[in-house]
C-alpha cells in the first residue's frame, strides 16, 4: 500500500468511528421545553368537541439514568376555557423512525402508551390513551 491509500483508509476509519460514537451518544427526544417553545395542539375525545390551544412544557424533576422526566404542561385554550395546567411524566422511551416514543401519564391518570416526539421535536402525537383521546401538536 502506498501512503495515499493508507491516508484514505485512515480517514474512512475515522469517519466510521465518529459515526458510531455519535449514534451511541444519541439522546431520546422530549418536547422542547420552556415558554419560548409553544406547540399548537388539537385535542379530542370521542363524543366530545376538539379543544385546540397552545402548550408548552417545563421539566420539574428528571432521572435521566431511569429515563423518567416529570414535567409540567401549560395548556391554554381560547376563552371561555382559559388555562389548564397539569403534571405529566414521560417514561420508557424507545427510538422510532424520526424520533422517540414515550409513555406519558398525567397527574389525573390519563396514560398514552404511544407518545411520539418526532422530526427534531417539531411534532408531538399522543395516542393509545386510556381515555381514548388523541392529541396532535406542532411546534409554532
Protein backbone atom coordinates (compact mmCIF):
# COMPACT_ATOMS: atom_id res chain seq x y z
CA UNK A 1 0.00 0.00 0.00
CA UNK A 2 1.20 3.46 -0.75
CA UNK A 3 0.96 6.46 1.58
CA UNK A 4 -2.07 7.92 -0.22
CA UNK A 5 -4.02 4.67 0.17
CA UNK A 6 -3.12 4.48 3.87
CA UNK A 7 -4.26 8.07 4.44
CA UNK A 8 -7.56 7.38 2.66
CA UNK A 9 -8.11 4.22 4.72
CA UNK A 10 -7.33 6.11 7.94
CA UNK A 11 -9.78 8.88 7.04
CA UNK A 12 -12.51 6.32 6.26
CA UNK A 13 -11.91 4.52 9.56
CA UNK A 14 -12.03 7.84 11.47
CA UNK A 15 -15.33 8.74 9.79
CA UNK A 16 -16.81 5.34 10.69
CA UNK A 17 -15.68 5.67 14.32
CA UNK A 18 -17.15 9.18 14.54
CA UNK A 19 -20.47 7.97 13.13
CA UNK A 20 -20.57 5.06 15.59
CA UNK A 21 -19.74 7.35 18.53
CA UNK A 22 -22.42 9.84 17.50
CA UNK A 23 -25.03 7.08 17.21
CA UNK A 24 -24.05 5.68 20.61
CA UNK A 25 -24.44 9.14 22.18
CA UNK A 26 -27.83 9.85 20.60
CA UNK A 27 -30.36 11.01 23.16
CA UNK A 28 -34.06 10.49 23.43
CA UNK A 29 -36.16 13.46 22.36
CA UNK A 30 -38.65 15.15 24.67
CA UNK A 31 -40.88 18.07 23.71
CA UNK A 32 -38.85 21.27 23.55
CA UNK A 33 -39.01 22.85 26.99
CA UNK A 34 -39.72 26.41 28.06
CA UNK A 35 -42.29 29.14 27.32
CA UNK A 36 -40.45 30.08 24.12
CA UNK A 37 -41.26 26.64 22.69
CA UNK A 38 -45.01 26.70 22.22
CA UNK A 39 -46.89 23.95 20.44
CA UNK A 40 -50.27 24.35 18.73
CA UNK A 41 -52.27 21.32 19.88
CA UNK A 42 -55.55 19.85 18.76
CA UNK A 43 -57.03 17.67 21.47
CA UNK A 44 -60.09 15.50 21.01
CA UNK A 45 -62.01 12.90 22.96
CA UNK A 46 -64.51 10.71 21.10
CA UNK A 47 -68.04 12.08 21.53
CA UNK A 48 -66.69 15.47 22.58
CA UNK A 49 -65.58 18.57 20.75
CA UNK A 50 -61.99 19.39 19.92
CA UNK A 51 -60.20 21.98 22.03
CA UNK A 52 -57.26 23.43 20.13
CA UNK A 53 -54.81 25.53 22.07
CA UNK A 54 -51.22 26.27 22.99
CA UNK A 55 -48.98 24.03 25.11
CA UNK A 56 -45.50 24.33 26.47
CA UNK A 57 -43.65 22.09 28.91
CA UNK A 58 -41.10 22.56 31.66
CA UNK A 59 -39.09 19.83 33.39
CA UNK A 60 -39.70 19.71 37.12
CA UNK A 61 -37.58 16.68 38.03
CA UNK A 62 -35.60 14.33 35.87
CA UNK A 63 -33.99 10.97 36.34
CA UNK A 64 -32.02 10.51 33.10
CA UNK A 65 -30.49 7.23 34.28
CA UNK A 66 -34.01 5.83 34.62
CA UNK A 67 -35.34 7.63 31.53
CA UNK A 68 -38.04 9.33 33.62
CA UNK A 69 -38.93 13.01 33.24
CA UNK A 70 -41.57 14.74 35.36
CA UNK A 71 -42.84 17.83 33.57
CA UNK A 72 -45.45 20.49 33.97
CA UNK A 73 -47.57 21.20 30.91
CA UNK A 74 -49.07 24.64 30.44
CA UNK A 75 -52.09 24.33 28.13
CA UNK A 76 -54.03 27.44 27.15
CA UNK A 77 -57.25 27.29 25.14
CA UNK A 78 -59.33 30.16 23.76
CA UNK A 79 -61.89 31.81 26.05
CA UNK A 80 -64.08 30.93 27.86
CA UNK A 81 -61.99 27.90 28.89
CA UNK A 82 -58.71 29.58 29.82
CA UNK A 83 -55.68 27.66 31.04
CA UNK A 84 -55.43 24.02 32.10
CA UNK A 85 -52.04 23.18 33.61
CA UNK A 86 -51.10 19.64 34.54
CA UNK A 87 -48.25 17.45 35.67
CA UNK A 88 -47.12 14.96 33.03
CA UNK A 89 -44.46 12.25 33.17
CA UNK A 90 -42.55 10.81 30.24
CA UNK A 91 -41.05 7.33 30.70
CA UNK A 92 -39.90 4.16 28.93
CA UNK A 93 -38.51 5.76 25.75
CA UNK A 94 -37.50 3.90 22.64
CA UNK A 95 -36.31 5.03 19.26
CA UNK A 96 -38.76 5.12 16.34
CA UNK A 97 -38.33 6.44 12.81
CA UNK A 98 -37.79 10.19 13.02
CA UNK A 99 -37.89 10.42 16.82
CA UNK A 100 -38.67 8.92 20.20
CA UNK A 101 -41.71 7.04 21.51
CA UNK A 102 -42.60 7.56 25.17
CA UNK A 103 -45.32 6.51 27.57
CA UNK A 104 -46.85 9.65 29.06
CA UNK A 105 -49.05 9.90 32.13
CA UNK A 106 -50.89 12.93 33.53
CA UNK A 107 -51.49 13.57 37.22
CA UNK A 108 -55.15 12.57 36.83
CA UNK A 109 -54.26 9.14 35.39
CA UNK A 110 -54.56 9.60 31.63
CA UNK A 111 -51.88 7.37 30.16
CA UNK A 112 -50.87 7.42 26.50
CA UNK A 113 -48.70 4.44 25.61
CA UNK A 114 -47.83 5.89 22.20
CA UNK A 115 -46.49 9.40 22.75
CA UNK A 116 -44.24 10.24 19.82
CA UNK A 117 -41.82 13.17 19.70
CA UNK A 118 -40.92 13.44 16.03
CA UNK A 119 -38.96 15.41 13.46
CA UNK A 120 -36.44 17.12 15.75
CA UNK A 121 -39.12 17.79 18.38
CA UNK A 122 -41.39 19.69 15.99
CA UNK A 123 -44.33 17.25 16.10
CA UNK A 124 -45.91 15.55 19.13
CA UNK A 125 -48.52 12.80 18.84
CA UNK A 126 -50.35 11.46 21.90
CA UNK A 127 -52.32 8.28 21.14
CA UNK A 128 -53.04 4.90 22.65
CA UNK A 129 -54.57 6.79 25.58
CA UNK A 130 -56.72 5.08 28.21
CA UNK A 131 -59.40 7.78 27.84
CA UNK A 132 -59.49 7.28 24.02
CA UNK A 133 -58.23 10.81 23.48
CA UNK A 134 -55.93 11.85 20.67
CA UNK A 135 -53.72 14.91 20.55
CA UNK A 136 -51.55 16.29 17.78
CA UNK A 137 -49.18 19.17 18.46
CA UNK A 138 -46.86 21.11 16.17
CA UNK A 139 -44.10 23.46 17.25
CA UNK A 140 -45.02 27.00 16.36
